[in-house]
Amino acid sequence: MNRPPIRIGISTCPNDTFAFAPLLTGRVVAPAPGFEFVLMDIEELNRSMFAGELDVGKASFHAALLLSKSMLVLPSGSALGFGVGPLLLASQPESTPATFARQFPGKCATILCPGEHTTATLLARMFLRDLIDRGSVQLKQTVFSGIMPNLVAEMAEFGVCIHEGRFTWAEQGLHLVEDLGTRWESVTALPLPLGGILARRDLPPELLRSIQASIQDSVTWSLNHPGDALPIMREHAQEFDDEVLMKHVELYVNEWTVELGTVGRQALQALNVRAGESGIVAADNPDLTVFEP
């Protein structure tokens, strides 16, 4: 019996549309029986992975930790690095969750986050744990593209910004509280693992090898021909300025996107350990398994 196409999900953010553009356009050939692509917001992808709706797909590494028994991490296609972390922003200058709690005792500040199982939410829960436990801060989930507009409109005090907004928050009059990625780097000395390509453990090994090889070829092609990906990046991006799009790519697509390597694997293990210590995953949560072709 012929196998149906491999259902694969990627996010609409520029680093994914850049990395997968050669596969989306046919410049790199997908393995038989072919790919059926779906493009979604990262939290939608996380939910699809939990629901078992995808064979392969991009997921936040927060979600990946919770899926570690049923999913493998492919060595190519990940987003991790230094200086790539989500930003905790405020609608007002010189405001932090701690100062809010002191200025408004008995009130609870709202921090908008881009999805329950995003790595951004994991970091917020990890680094603001004391304030959350005391009831001084509550996390509210919303689609990532609505976070900065809500802050500009002063409909929330704080928000965790990801994707292209990392480059445009200042011109929108918002204020940096903390770079959560820098905080991660200071306590681990490792790159921050944001998201990666997961694949079902029950896929045949030879098929997994073909999928991995095609993804690595796609990333490599785009790095060698960066301008080819711009039309697809523009089609799906929240920010349409080509310079901003390519800055995003330069930040999030790197040597660890081509292949996780030893450092990338160490970063994934550290994320599991830190999440376990913070009570975000079970203390005995199994480490992520990286597929070895």
Protein backbone atom coordinates (compact mmCIF):
# COMPACT_ATOMS: atom_id res chain seq x y z
CA MET A 1 0.00 0.00 0.00
CA ASN A 2 1.33 3.43 -0.92
CA ARG A 3 2.01 5.71 2.01
CA PRO A 4 0.18 9.10 2.00
CA PRO A 5 2.27 12.28 1.89
CA ILE A 6 4.17 13.19 5.05
CA ARG A 7 2.16 15.87 6.85
CA ILE A 8 4.69 18.48 7.99
CA GLY A 9 4.04 21.72 9.85
CA ILE A 10 6.26 24.80 10.04
CA SER A 11 5.70 28.22 11.50
CA THR A 12 5.06 31.40 9.53
CA CYS A 13 8.05 33.15 11.11
CA PRO A 14 10.85 34.19 8.74
CA ASN A 15 13.45 31.71 9.96
CA ASP A 16 11.17 28.77 9.09
CA THR A 17 9.95 30.10 5.75
CA PHE A 18 13.60 30.87 4.91
CA ALA A 19 14.86 27.42 5.93
CA PHE A 20 12.07 25.52 4.16
CA ALA A 21 11.68 27.73 1.08
CA PRO A 22 13.64 25.30 -1.18
CA LEU A 23 11.33 22.45 -0.17
CA LEU A 24 8.23 24.64 -0.52
CA THR A 25 9.28 25.72 -4.02
CA GLY A 26 10.67 22.39 -5.24
CA ARG A 27 14.30 23.50 -5.46
CA VAL A 28 14.99 20.67 -3.00
CA VAL A 29 13.02 17.49 -3.62
CA ALA A 30 11.05 16.05 -0.72
CA PRO A 31 11.50 12.36 0.02
CA ALA A 32 8.90 9.93 -1.27
CA PRO A 33 5.97 9.98 -0.66
CA GLY A 34 6.33 13.79 -0.59
CA PHE A 35 5.49 16.51 1.93
CA GLU A 36 2.10 18.02 2.65
CA PHE A 37 2.97 21.36 4.24
CA VAL A 38 0.85 23.30 6.71
CA LEU A 39 1.95 26.71 7.99
CA MET A 40 0.69 27.94 11.34
CA ASP A 41 1.50 30.10 14.33
CA ILE A 42 3.93 28.32 16.67
CA GLU A 43 1.36 27.67 19.39
CA GLU A 44 -1.04 26.26 16.81
CA LEU A 45 1.79 23.94 15.76
CA ASN A 46 2.34 22.93 19.37
CA ARG A 47 -1.34 22.05 19.73
CA SER A 48 -1.27 20.09 16.46
CA MET A 49 1.71 18.10 17.70
CA PHE A 50 -0.07 17.26 20.96
CA ALA A 51 -3.15 16.21 18.98
CA GLY A 52 -1.09 13.87 16.79
CA GLU A 53 -2.13 15.69 13.62
CA LEU A 54 1.38 15.97 12.14
CA ASP A 55 4.02 13.41 11.20
CA VAL A 56 6.79 16.01 11.39
CA GLY A 57 6.70 19.60 12.52
CA LYS A 58 8.25 22.61 14.17
CA ALA A 59 7.45 22.84 17.85
CA SER A 60 8.61 24.92 20.75
CA PHE A 61 11.17 23.05 22.79
CA HIS A 62 8.89 23.59 25.78
CA ALA A 63 6.28 21.45 23.97
CA ALA A 64 9.00 19.05 22.82
CA LEU A 65 9.92 18.31 26.45
CA LEU A 66 6.35 17.21 27.10
CA LEU A 67 6.30 15.13 23.90
CA SER A 68 9.66 13.45 24.48
CA LYS A 69 8.15 9.96 24.85
CA SER A 70 6.44 10.04 21.46
CA MET A 71 8.59 12.36 19.35
CA LEU A 72 12.21 12.61 18.24
CA VAL A 73 14.12 15.82 17.52
CA LEU A 74 15.63 15.98 14.03
CA PRO A 75 19.20 17.34 13.98
CA SER A 76 18.39 20.03 11.37
CA GLY A 77 15.90 22.89 11.32
CA SER A 78 16.15 24.08 14.93
CA ALA A 79 16.16 27.66 16.15
CA LEU A 80 18.64 28.22 18.96
CA GLY A 81 21.49 30.55 19.65
CA PHE A 82 22.88 33.41 21.66
CA GLY A 83 21.03 36.72 21.63
CA VAL A 84 17.86 35.13 20.25
CA GLY A 85 15.65 35.05 23.34
CA PRO A 86 12.20 36.49 23.92
CA LEU A 87 11.99 39.97 25.39
CA LEU A 88 9.93 40.94 28.42
CA LEU A 89 8.50 44.34 27.48
CA ALA A 90 6.52 46.95 29.41
CA SER A 91 3.99 49.49 28.28
CA GLN A 92 5.43 52.06 30.70
CA PRO A 93 9.06 53.20 31.20
CA GLU A 94 11.03 52.03 34.23
CA SER A 95 8.43 49.38 35.00
CA THR A 96 9.13 45.79 36.05
CA PRO A 97 6.83 43.13 37.48
CA ALA A 98 8.57 43.56 40.86
CA THR A 99 8.11 47.35 40.95
CA PHE A 100 4.48 46.91 39.85
CA ALA A 101 3.90 44.57 42.78
CA ARG A 102 5.38 47.14 45.20
CA GLN A 103 3.51 50.10 43.71
CA PHE A 104 0.16 48.34 43.56
CA PRO A 105 -0.02 45.95 46.51
CA GLY A 106 -2.88 43.54 46.23
CA LYS A 107 -3.07 43.90 42.46
CA CYS A 108 -1.84 41.39 39.93
CA ALA A 109 0.11 42.45 36.84
CA THR A 110 -0.72 40.76 33.55
CA ILE A 111 2.06 39.45 31.33
CA LEU A 112 0.94 38.51 27.84
CA CYS A 113 2.66 35.37 26.51
CA PRO A 114 2.53 33.84 23.01
CA GLY A 115 1.16 30.43 23.94
CA GLU A 116 1.01 28.01 26.86
CA HIS A 117 3.65 25.65 25.48
CA THR A 118 6.01 28.15 23.87
CA THR A 119 9.57 28.39 25.15
CA ALA A 120 8.82 32.07 25.85
CA THR A 121 6.20 31.03 28.40
CA LEU A 122 8.57 28.43 29.86
CA LEU A 123 11.22 31.13 30.45
CA ALA A 124 8.66 33.51 31.96
CA ARG A 125 7.49 30.80 34.34
CA MET A 126 11.08 29.86 35.14
CA PHE A 127 12.46 33.33 35.82
CA LEU A 128 9.35 34.95 37.35
CA ARG A 129 8.40 31.96 39.46
CA ASP A 130 8.47 33.79 42.82
CA LEU A 131 6.20 36.61 41.61
CA ILE A 132 3.79 34.14 40.00
CA ASP A 133 3.67 32.00 43.16
CA ARG A 134 2.97 35.12 45.28
CA GLY A 135 0.12 36.16 43.00
CA SER A 136 1.81 39.41 41.98
CA VAL A 137 1.91 38.35 38.32
CA GLN A 138 -0.38 36.31 36.10
CA LEU A 139 0.47 34.99 32.65
CA LYS A 140 -2.19 35.41 29.97
CA GLN A 141 -1.85 33.60 26.66
CA THR A 142 -2.59 35.29 23.34
CA VAL A 143 -1.43 35.06 19.73
CA PHE A 144 2.10 36.49 19.42
CA SER A 145 1.11 39.13 16.85
CA GLY A 146 -1.32 40.74 19.30
CA ILE A 147 1.10 41.23 22.18
CA MET A 148 2.81 44.47 21.14
CA PRO A 149 -0.43 46.14 19.92
CA ASN A 150 -2.00 45.37 23.31
CA LEU A 151 0.98 46.92 25.10
CA VAL A 152 0.92 50.00 22.87
CA ALA A 153 -2.79 50.38 23.65
CA GLU A 154 -1.98 49.89 27.39
CA MET A 155 -4.41 46.98 27.60
CA ALA A 156 -1.75 45.02 29.50
CA GLU A 157 1.23 46.00 31.63
CA PHE A 158 3.76 43.54 30.24
CA GLY A 159 4.28 41.15 27.36
CA VAL A 160 6.80 38.60 26.15
CA CYS A 161 7.78 39.47 22.59
CA ILE A 162 9.07 36.96 20.00
CA HIS A 163 9.77 36.84 16.25
CA GLU A 164 10.18 40.07 14.23
CA GLY A 165 8.94 42.21 17.12
CA ARG A 166 12.37 41.78 18.68
CA PHE A 167 13.62 44.32 16.14
CA THR A 168 10.69 46.79 16.19
CA TRP A 169 9.58 47.18 19.83
CA ALA A 170 11.51 50.40 20.51
CA GLU A 171 10.05 52.29 17.56
CA GLN A 172 6.59 51.40 18.86
CA GLY A 173 7.33 53.18 22.14
CA LEU A 174 7.66 50.09 24.30
CA HIS A 175 10.22 49.50 27.02
CA LEU A 176 12.60 46.62 27.67
CA VAL A 177 12.34 45.01 31.09
CA GLU A 178 14.60 42.01 30.49
CA ASP A 179 15.99 39.89 27.69
CA LEU A 180 14.97 36.42 28.88
CA GLY A 181 17.46 34.81 26.53
CA THR A 182 20.32 36.75 28.09
CA ARG A 183 19.09 35.56 31.49
CA TRP A 184 19.21 31.97 30.23
CA GLU A 185 22.72 32.46 28.88
CA SER A 186 23.91 33.91 32.19
CA VAL A 187 22.81 30.83 34.16
CA THR A 188 23.74 28.14 31.63
CA ALA A 189 26.49 29.57 29.34
CA LEU A 190 24.64 27.74 26.54
CA PRO A 191 22.61 28.90 23.53
CA LEU A 192 18.88 29.17 24.13
CA PRO A 193 16.89 26.39 22.41
CA LEU A 194 13.66 27.94 21.12
CA GLY A 195 12.16 25.38 18.78
CA GLY A 196 13.02 22.41 16.63
CA ILE A 197 11.70 19.91 14.13
CA LEU A 198 10.03 16.92 15.76
CA ALA A 199 9.16 13.63 14.10
CA ARG A 200 7.05 10.71 15.23
CA ARG A 201 9.09 7.96 16.81
CA ASP A 202 7.12 5.30 14.94
CA LEU A 203 8.17 6.51 11.48
CA PRO A 204 10.49 4.01 9.74
CA PRO A 205 14.19 4.81 10.26
CA GLU A 206 14.88 4.98 6.53
CA LEU A 207 12.06 7.50 6.10
CA LEU A 208 13.38 9.56 9.03
CA ARG A 209 16.83 9.59 7.41
CA SER A 210 15.34 10.85 4.13
CA ILE A 211 13.28 13.54 5.90
CA GLN A 212 16.30 14.71 7.89
CA ALA A 213 18.51 14.83 4.78
CA SER A 214 15.96 16.85 2.80
CA ILE A 215 15.55 19.38 5.63
CA GLN A 216 19.31 19.78 5.98
CA ASP A 217 19.63 20.23 2.20
CA SER A 218 16.88 22.87 2.29
CA VAL A 219 18.55 24.88 5.07
CA THR A 220 21.91 24.69 3.30
CA TRP A 221 20.41 25.76 -0.04
CA SER A 222 18.81 28.85 1.51
CA LEU A 223 22.00 29.82 3.30
CA ASN A 224 23.80 29.63 -0.05
CA HIS A 225 20.99 31.45 -1.96
CA PRO A 226 19.39 33.76 0.64
CA GLY A 227 17.55 35.99 -1.80
CA ASP A 228 15.56 33.07 -3.22
CA ALA A 229 13.53 32.74 -0.02
CA LEU A 230 12.33 36.36 0.23
CA PRO A 231 9.05 35.99 -1.73
CA ILE A 232 7.78 33.24 0.61
CA MET A 233 9.09 35.07 3.67
CA ARG A 234 7.21 38.24 2.65
CA GLU A 235 4.03 36.27 2.04
CA HIS A 236 3.81 35.00 5.61
CA ALA A 237 5.63 37.61 7.75
CA GLN A 238 4.09 40.08 10.17
CA GLU A 239 6.81 42.57 9.24
CA PHE A 240 7.28 43.23 5.52
CA ASP A 241 10.54 45.17 5.54
CA ASP A 242 13.15 43.00 3.80
CA GLU A 243 15.94 44.29 6.02
CA VAL A 244 14.05 43.25 9.16
CA LEU A 245 13.27 39.86 7.63
CA MET A 246 16.91 39.19 6.84
CA LYS A 247 18.01 40.40 10.29
CA HIS A 248 15.63 37.80 11.68
CA VAL A 249 17.22 35.12 9.52
CA GLU A 250 20.75 36.17 10.46
CA LEU A 251 19.84 35.87 14.13
CA TYR A 252 17.86 32.62 14.11
CA VAL A 253 19.36 30.57 11.26
CA ASN A 254 22.89 29.49 12.09
CA GLU A 255 25.23 26.52 12.37
CA TRP A 256 22.88 24.84 14.87
CA THR A 257 20.03 25.09 12.35
CA VAL A 258 22.13 23.10 9.90
CA GLU A 259 23.02 20.54 12.60
CA LEU A 260 22.49 20.72 16.36
CA GLY A 261 25.98 19.47 17.15
CA THR A 262 27.30 18.77 20.62
CA VAL A 263 26.50 22.21 22.00
CA GLY A 264 22.94 22.10 20.70
CA ARG A 265 22.37 18.73 22.32
CA GLN A 266 23.78 20.05 25.61
CA ALA A 267 21.39 23.00 25.44
CA LEU A 268 18.40 20.68 25.04
CA GLN A 269 19.48 18.64 28.05
CA ALA A 270 19.97 21.80 30.12
CA LEU A 271 16.47 23.02 29.21
CA ASN A 272 14.97 19.77 30.48
CA VAL A 273 16.96 19.98 33.72
CA ARG A 274 16.03 23.63 34.38
CA ALA A 275 12.38 23.02 33.52
CA GLY A 276 12.35 20.09 35.94
CA GLU A 277 13.94 22.16 38.71
CA SER A 278 11.26 24.84 38.20
CA GLY A 279 8.40 22.33 38.33
CA ILE A 280 7.40 23.01 34.71
CA VAL A 281 7.97 19.40 33.68
CA ALA A 282 8.28 16.32 35.87
CA ALA A 283 11.62 16.00 37.62
CA ASP A 284 12.14 12.65 35.88
CA ASN A 285 11.04 13.87 32.45
CA PRO A 286 13.12 11.94 29.85
CA ASP A 287 15.72 13.92 27.91
CA LEU A 288 14.91 14.76 24.33
CA THR A 289 16.18 12.15 21.89
CA VAL A 290 17.93 13.57 18.83
CA PHE A 291 17.60 11.29 15.81
CA GLU A 292 20.99 10.09 14.62
CA PRO A 293 20.86 9.26 10.88
